[in-house]
Amino acid sequence: MTYGNRSGVNIAEPAMMPTPVVDYHDRVRWGPIFAGIVIALSTQLVLSALGVAIGMSVGADAQSDPNSIGLGVGIWSIISLFIALMLGSWIMARTCGPMNKNTALLNGAILWATTLALSSWLLASGVSGTFGIVMANAGEIADRVNVDPGAANLTPNEARNIADGVARAGWSFLFGSLLGLVASLIGATLGARSPRTVV
């Protein structure tokens, strides 16, 4: 587009280019992350209560195998963690402003790590039930068995069973944590909204 000035010379007007709108300057949005953490922990508590209720109902039967019940509780814990973190990350992404997939993945990973740290603190405080008690006492049991197996009133076979149980709990925690990271990344990706461009 051109226009004339008083001297009669035509002057070209610079072309206007569309510019993308940047919704946020920083990539980490702590408000939505905290909202997602609250949703994830609340969902985990509700699903855990459901699992305990079902487990106790089944366990009340005298014919129930304790090992099967323990396995079922472990599997349900991993499934409920997956659901809780996926939902929490989805909520985080939906409550956040528009962002690209990389930013959604970053925020989902931070939500997972923060939830894991908070859950570990709850476990260390004994708030999260049996797993916290087992982990808190595992070191003491191992020390007592190593110093004097008779003092702990444990046979070597019982000590091996306890060690095996703690090892399985550790592997389950590792597997569940990594699966939780995958759930967080999936939920964040599904909930992310693309940035808009204003022309």
C-alpha atoms as a PDB file:
ATOM      1  CA  MET A   1       0.000   0.000   0.000  1.00  0.00           C
ATOM      2  CA  THR A   2       1.306   3.466  -0.836  1.00  0.00           C
ATOM      3  CA  TYR A   3       0.183   6.937   0.102  1.00  0.00           C
ATOM      4  CA  GLY A   4       1.317  10.450  -0.835  1.00  0.00           C
ATOM      5  CA  ASN A   5       2.784  13.136   1.401  1.00  0.00           C
ATOM      6  CA  ARG A   6       2.653  16.951   0.966  1.00  0.00           C
ATOM      7  CA  SER A   7       5.580  16.982  -1.460  1.00  0.00           C
ATOM      8  CA  GLY A   8       3.714  14.543  -3.693  1.00  0.00           C
ATOM      9  CA  VAL A   9       6.187  11.688  -3.193  1.00  0.00           C
ATOM     10  CA  ASN A  10       4.619   8.278  -2.790  1.00  0.00           C
ATOM     11  CA  ILE A  11       5.796   6.429   0.342  1.00  0.00           C
ATOM     12  CA  ALA A  12       5.371   2.669   0.744  1.00  0.00           C
ATOM     13  CA  GLU A  13       3.755   1.510   3.951  1.00  0.00           C
ATOM     14  CA  PRO A  14       5.414  -1.587   5.503  1.00  0.00           C
ATOM     15  CA  ALA A  15       3.425  -4.799   5.147  1.00  0.00           C
ATOM     16  CA  MET A  16       1.781  -6.062   8.339  1.00  0.00           C
ATOM     17  CA  MET A  17       2.679  -9.662   9.190  1.00  0.00           C
ATOM     18  CA  PRO A  18       0.585 -11.852  11.509  1.00  0.00           C
ATOM     19  CA  THR A  19       2.270 -12.349  14.876  1.00  0.00           C
ATOM     20  CA  PRO A  20       1.707 -15.322  17.168  1.00  0.00           C
ATOM     21  CA  VAL A  21       0.346 -14.550  20.606  1.00  0.00           C
ATOM     22  CA  VAL A  22       2.529 -15.877  23.406  1.00  0.00           C
ATOM     23  CA  ASP A  23       0.241 -16.722  26.314  1.00  0.00           C
ATOM     24  CA  TYR A  24       2.980 -17.323  28.901  1.00  0.00           C
ATOM     25  CA  HIS A  25       6.596 -16.271  29.211  1.00  0.00           C
ATOM     26  CA  ASP A  26       7.547 -19.145  31.518  1.00  0.00           C
ATOM     27  CA  ARG A  27       6.909 -22.762  30.668  1.00  0.00           C
ATOM     28  CA  VAL A  28       6.218 -24.108  34.169  1.00  0.00           C
ATOM     29  CA  ARG A  29       2.783 -23.258  35.570  1.00  0.00           C
ATOM     30  CA  TRP A  30       2.745 -24.061  39.298  1.00  0.00           C
ATOM     31  CA  GLY A  31      -0.907 -23.166  39.890  1.00  0.00           C
ATOM     32  CA  PRO A  32      -2.224 -25.827  37.485  1.00  0.00           C
ATOM     33  CA  ILE A  33       0.449 -28.275  38.693  1.00  0.00           C
ATOM     34  CA  PHE A  34      -0.736 -27.927  42.300  1.00  0.00           C
ATOM     35  CA  ALA A  35      -4.342 -28.335  41.139  1.00  0.00           C
ATOM     36  CA  GLY A  36      -3.346 -31.535  39.354  1.00  0.00           C
ATOM     37  CA  ILE A  37      -1.503 -32.813  42.438  1.00  0.00           C
ATOM     38  CA  VAL A  38      -4.576 -32.269  44.628  1.00  0.00           C
ATOM     39  CA  ILE A  39      -6.747 -34.117  42.093  1.00  0.00           C
ATOM     40  CA  ALA A  40      -4.197 -36.954  41.779  1.00  0.00           C
ATOM     41  CA  LEU A  41      -3.834 -37.450  45.546  1.00  0.00           C
ATOM     42  CA  SER A  42      -7.582 -37.259  46.135  1.00  0.00           C
ATOM     43  CA  THR A  43      -8.248 -39.770  43.365  1.00  0.00           C
ATOM     44  CA  GLN A  44      -5.542 -42.058  44.751  1.00  0.00           C
ATOM     45  CA  LEU A  45      -7.109 -41.926  48.235  1.00  0.00           C
ATOM     46  CA  VAL A  46     -10.591 -42.710  46.905  1.00  0.00           C
ATOM     47  CA  LEU A  47      -9.356 -45.581  44.736  1.00  0.00           C
ATOM     48  CA  SER A  48      -7.223 -46.927  47.600  1.00  0.00           C
ATOM     49  CA  ALA A  49     -10.258 -46.881  49.896  1.00  0.00           C
ATOM     50  CA  LEU A  50     -12.195 -48.782  47.247  1.00  0.00           C
ATOM     51  CA  GLY A  51      -9.375 -51.327  46.958  1.00  0.00           C
ATOM     52  CA  VAL A  52      -9.204 -51.792  50.740  1.00  0.00           C
ATOM     53  CA  ALA A  53     -12.968 -52.229  50.963  1.00  0.00           C
ATOM     54  CA  ILE A  54     -12.975 -54.858  48.212  1.00  0.00           C
ATOM     55  CA  GLY A  55      -9.851 -56.544  49.578  1.00  0.00           C
ATOM     56  CA  MET A  56     -11.268 -56.781  53.098  1.00  0.00           C
ATOM     57  CA  SER A  57     -14.583 -58.083  51.788  1.00  0.00           C
ATOM     58  CA  VAL A  58     -12.791 -60.808  49.852  1.00  0.00           C
ATOM     59  CA  GLY A  59     -10.308 -61.413  52.689  1.00  0.00           C
ATOM     60  CA  ALA A  60     -13.105 -62.032  55.171  1.00  0.00           C
ATOM     61  CA  ASP A  61     -13.725 -65.329  53.423  1.00  0.00           C
ATOM     62  CA  ALA A  62     -11.854 -68.085  55.266  1.00  0.00           C
ATOM     63  CA  GLN A  63     -11.007 -69.803  51.963  1.00  0.00           C
ATOM     64  CA  SER A  64      -9.124 -66.748  50.651  1.00  0.00           C
ATOM     65  CA  ASP A  65      -5.430 -67.127  49.913  1.00  0.00           C
ATOM     66  CA  PRO A  66      -3.448 -64.331  51.641  1.00  0.00           C
ATOM     67  CA  ASN A  67      -0.836 -64.339  48.844  1.00  0.00           C
ATOM     68  CA  SER A  68      -3.538 -63.798  46.224  1.00  0.00           C
ATOM     69  CA  ILE A  69      -5.028 -60.970  48.247  1.00  0.00           C
ATOM     70  CA  GLY A  70      -1.589 -59.361  48.593  1.00  0.00           C
ATOM     71  CA  LEU A  71      -0.998 -59.662  44.857  1.00  0.00           C
ATOM     72  CA  GLY A  72      -4.394 -58.158  44.144  1.00  0.00           C
ATOM     73  CA  VAL A  73      -3.688 -55.215  46.443  1.00  0.00           C
ATOM     74  CA  GLY A  74      -0.361 -54.625  44.715  1.00  0.00           C
ATOM     75  CA  ILE A  75      -1.881 -54.698  41.246  1.00  0.00           C
ATOM     76  CA  TRP A  76      -4.749 -52.442  42.307  1.00  0.00           C
ATOM     77  CA  SER A  77      -2.263 -49.961  43.835  1.00  0.00           C
ATOM     78  CA  ILE A  78      -0.432 -49.657  40.519  1.00  0.00           C
ATOM     79  CA  ILE A  79      -3.672 -49.328  38.531  1.00  0.00           C
ATOM     80  CA  SER A  80      -5.069 -46.695  40.896  1.00  0.00           C
ATOM     81  CA  LEU A  81      -1.786 -44.753  40.771  1.00  0.00           C
ATOM     82  CA  PHE A  82      -1.903 -44.821  36.958  1.00  0.00           C
ATOM     83  CA  ILE A  83      -5.496 -43.547  36.908  1.00  0.00           C
ATOM     84  CA  ALA A  84      -4.835 -40.881  39.548  1.00  0.00           C
ATOM     85  CA  LEU A  85      -1.733 -39.447  37.856  1.00  0.00           C
ATOM     86  CA  MET A  86      -3.310 -39.521  34.412  1.00  0.00           C
ATOM     87  CA  LEU A  87      -6.378 -37.669  35.682  1.00  0.00           C
ATOM     88  CA  GLY A  88      -4.261 -35.198  37.675  1.00  0.00           C
ATOM     89  CA  SER A  89      -2.093 -34.397  34.652  1.00  0.00           C
ATOM     90  CA  TRP A  90      -5.106 -34.034  32.402  1.00  0.00           C
ATOM     91  CA  ILE A  91      -6.677 -31.586  34.861  1.00  0.00           C
ATOM     92  CA  MET A  92      -3.339 -29.735  35.095  1.00  0.00           C
ATOM     93  CA  ALA A  93      -3.176 -29.340  31.322  1.00  0.00           C
ATOM     94  CA  ARG A  94      -6.823 -28.267  31.018  1.00  0.00           C
ATOM     95  CA  THR A  95      -6.530 -25.636  33.761  1.00  0.00           C
ATOM     96  CA  CYS A  96      -3.364 -24.267  32.198  1.00  0.00           C
ATOM     97  CA  GLY A  97      -3.415 -21.831  29.307  1.00  0.00           C
ATOM     98  CA  PRO A  98      -2.740 -22.976  25.767  1.00  0.00           C
ATOM     99  CA  MET A  99       0.637 -24.690  25.425  1.00  0.00           C
ATOM    100  CA  ASN A 100       2.494 -26.907  23.020  1.00  0.00           C
ATOM    101  CA  LYS A 101       3.037 -30.627  23.605  1.00  0.00           C
ATOM    102  CA  ASN A 102       6.609 -30.181  24.890  1.00  0.00           C
ATOM    103  CA  THR A 103       5.453 -27.748  27.578  1.00  0.00           C
ATOM    104  CA  ALA A 104       2.612 -30.117  28.500  1.00  0.00           C
ATOM    105  CA  LEU A 105       5.092 -32.988  28.858  1.00  0.00           C
ATOM    106  CA  LEU A 106       7.391 -30.822  31.004  1.00  0.00           C
ATOM    107  CA  ASN A 107       4.556 -29.818  33.333  1.00  0.00           C
ATOM    108  CA  GLY A 108       3.296 -33.428  33.464  1.00  0.00           C
ATOM    109  CA  ALA A 109       6.773 -34.649  34.474  1.00  0.00           C
ATOM    110  CA  ILE A 110       6.992 -31.978  37.191  1.00  0.00           C
ATOM    111  CA  LEU A 111       3.549 -32.982  38.484  1.00  0.00           C
ATOM    112  CA  TRP A 112       4.680 -36.634  38.621  1.00  0.00           C
ATOM    113  CA  ALA A 113       7.936 -35.786  40.416  1.00  0.00           C
ATOM    114  CA  THR A 114       6.215 -33.504  42.926  1.00  0.00           C
ATOM    115  CA  THR A 115       3.518 -36.095  43.605  1.00  0.00           C
ATOM    116  CA  LEU A 116       6.180 -38.784  44.039  1.00  0.00           C
ATOM    117  CA  ALA A 117       8.146 -36.621  46.489  1.00  0.00           C
ATOM    118  CA  LEU A 118       4.999 -35.772  48.444  1.00  0.00           C
ATOM    119  CA  SER A 119       3.901 -39.427  48.500  1.00  0.00           C
ATOM    120  CA  SER A 120       7.364 -40.482  49.703  1.00  0.00           C
ATOM    121  CA  TRP A 121       7.114 -37.986  52.538  1.00  0.00           C
ATOM    122  CA  LEU A 122       3.680 -39.378  53.436  1.00  0.00           C
ATOM    123  CA  LEU A 123       5.122 -42.904  53.382  1.00  0.00           C
ATOM    124  CA  ALA A 124       8.036 -41.878  55.597  1.00  0.00           C
ATOM    125  CA  SER A 125       5.554 -40.281  57.990  1.00  0.00           C
ATOM    126  CA  GLY A 126       3.580 -43.529  58.153  1.00  0.00           C
ATOM    127  CA  VAL A 127       0.499 -41.868  56.707  1.00  0.00           C
ATOM    128  CA  SER A 128       0.107 -44.261  53.793  1.00  0.00           C
ATOM    129  CA  GLY A 129      -0.476 -47.468  55.663  1.00  0.00           C
ATOM    130  CA  THR A 130       1.154 -50.835  55.416  1.00  0.00           C
ATOM    131  CA  PHE A 131       3.779 -50.001  52.811  1.00  0.00           C
ATOM    132  CA  GLY A 132       5.048 -47.153  54.997  1.00  0.00           C
ATOM    133  CA  ILE A 133       5.234 -49.456  58.027  1.00  0.00           C
ATOM    134  CA  VAL A 134       7.101 -52.154  56.096  1.00  0.00           C
ATOM    135  CA  MET A 135       9.621 -49.702  54.662  1.00  0.00           C
ATOM    136  CA  ALA A 136      10.100 -47.934  57.997  1.00  0.00           C
ATOM    137  CA  ASN A 137      10.808 -51.215  59.780  1.00  0.00           C
ATOM    138  CA  ALA A 138      12.716 -53.051  57.041  1.00  0.00           C
ATOM    139  CA  GLY A 139      16.089 -51.687  58.134  1.00  0.00           C
ATOM    140  CA  GLU A 140      15.462 -52.517  61.772  1.00  0.00           C
ATOM    141  CA  ILE A 141      14.359 -56.072  60.917  1.00  0.00           C
ATOM    142  CA  ALA A 142      17.431 -56.605  58.741  1.00  0.00           C
ATOM    143  CA  ASP A 143      19.744 -55.308  61.497  1.00  0.00           C
ATOM    144  CA  ARG A 144      18.172 -57.573  64.124  1.00  0.00           C
ATOM    145  CA  VAL A 145      18.392 -60.613  61.879  1.00  0.00           C
ATOM    146  CA  ASN A 146      22.002 -59.933  60.866  1.00  0.00           C
ATOM    147  CA  VAL A 147      23.170 -59.372  64.449  1.00  0.00           C
ATOM    148  CA  ASP A 148      21.388 -62.265  66.097  1.00  0.00           C
ATOM    149  CA  PRO A 149      18.659 -64.167  64.230  1.00  0.00           C
ATOM    150  CA  GLY A 150      17.458 -65.776  67.448  1.00  0.00           C
ATOM    151  CA  ALA A 151      16.928 -62.394  69.123  1.00  0.00           C
ATOM    152  CA  ALA A 152      14.385 -61.404  66.482  1.00  0.00           C
ATOM    153  CA  ASN A 153      12.534 -64.721  66.936  1.00  0.00           C
ATOM    154  CA  LEU A 154      12.881 -65.287  63.209  1.00  0.00           C
ATOM    155  CA  THR A 155      14.113 -68.375  61.488  1.00  0.00           C
ATOM    156  CA  PRO A 156      16.453 -67.881  58.510  1.00  0.00           C
ATOM    157  CA  ASN A 157      13.576 -68.909  56.235  1.00  0.00           C
ATOM    158  CA  GLU A 158      11.280 -66.266  57.776  1.00  0.00           C
ATOM    159  CA  ALA A 159      14.011 -63.655  57.408  1.00  0.00           C
ATOM    160  CA  ARG A 160      14.404 -64.577  53.720  1.00  0.00           C
ATOM    161  CA  ASN A 161      10.632 -64.289  53.260  1.00  0.00           C
ATOM    162  CA  ILE A 162      10.639 -60.828  54.827  1.00  0.00           C
ATOM    163  CA  ALA A 163      13.570 -59.754  52.682  1.00  0.00           C
ATOM    164  CA  ASP A 164      11.818 -61.153  49.613  1.00  0.00           C
ATOM    165  CA  GLY A 165       8.644 -59.244  50.501  1.00  0.00           C
ATOM    166  CA  VAL A 166      10.555 -55.986  50.957  1.00  0.00           C
ATOM    167  CA  ALA A 167      12.374 -56.557  47.653  1.00  0.00           C
ATOM    168  CA  ARG A 168       9.074 -57.169  45.861  1.00  0.00           C
ATOM    169  CA  ALA A 169       7.646 -54.011  47.448  1.00  0.00           C
ATOM    170  CA  GLY A 170      10.683 -52.068  46.222  1.00  0.00           C
ATOM    171  CA  TRP A 171      10.391 -53.405  42.671  1.00  0.00           C
ATOM    172  CA  SER A 172       6.650 -52.732  42.686  1.00  0.00           C
ATOM    173  CA  PHE A 173       7.283 -49.179  43.849  1.00  0.00           C
ATOM    174  CA  LEU A 174       9.832 -48.651  41.063  1.00  0.00           C
ATOM    175  CA  PHE A 175       7.548 -50.131  38.398  1.00  0.00           C
ATOM    176  CA  GLY A 176       4.542 -48.203  39.695  1.00  0.00           C
ATOM    177  CA  SER A 177       6.518 -44.951  39.785  1.00  0.00           C
ATOM    178  CA  LEU A 178       7.716 -45.303  36.197  1.00  0.00           C
ATOM    179  CA  LEU A 179       4.224 -46.279  35.089  1.00  0.00           C
ATOM    180  CA  GLY A 180       2.980 -43.186  36.942  1.00  0.00           C
ATOM    181  CA  LEU A 181       5.390 -41.034  34.910  1.00  0.00           C
ATOM    182  CA  VAL A 182       3.972 -42.512  31.705  1.00  0.00           C
ATOM    183  CA  ALA A 183       0.435 -41.826  32.960  1.00  0.00           C
ATOM    184  CA  SER A 184       1.330 -38.219  33.774  1.00  0.00           C
ATOM    185  CA  LEU A 185       2.817 -37.653  30.329  1.00  0.00           C
ATOM    186  CA  ILE A 186      -0.203 -39.216  28.603  1.00  0.00           C
ATOM    187  CA  GLY A 187      -2.672 -37.173  30.661  1.00  0.00           C
ATOM    188  CA  ALA A 188      -0.775 -33.929  30.057  1.00  0.00           C
ATOM    189  CA  THR A 189      -0.600 -34.586  26.316  1.00  0.00           C
ATOM    190  CA  LEU A 190      -4.307 -35.393  26.090  1.00  0.00           C
ATOM    191  CA  GLY A 191      -5.283 -32.302  28.067  1.00  0.00           C
ATOM    192  CA  ALA A 192      -2.995 -29.807  26.307  1.00  0.00           C
ATOM    193  CA  ARG A 193      -4.557 -27.091  24.189  1.00  0.00           C
ATOM    194  CA  SER A 194      -2.573 -25.589  21.305  1.00  0.00           C
ATOM    195  CA  PRO A 195      -1.517 -21.909  21.456  1.00  0.00           C
ATOM    196  CA  ARG A 196      -3.681 -19.664  19.291  1.00  0.00           C
ATOM    197  CA  THR A 197      -2.369 -17.308  16.625  1.00  0.00           C
ATOM    198  CA  VAL A 198      -4.021 -13.921  16.236  1.00  0.00           C
ATOM    199  CA  VAL A 199      -3.800 -12.326  12.776  1.00  0.00           C
END
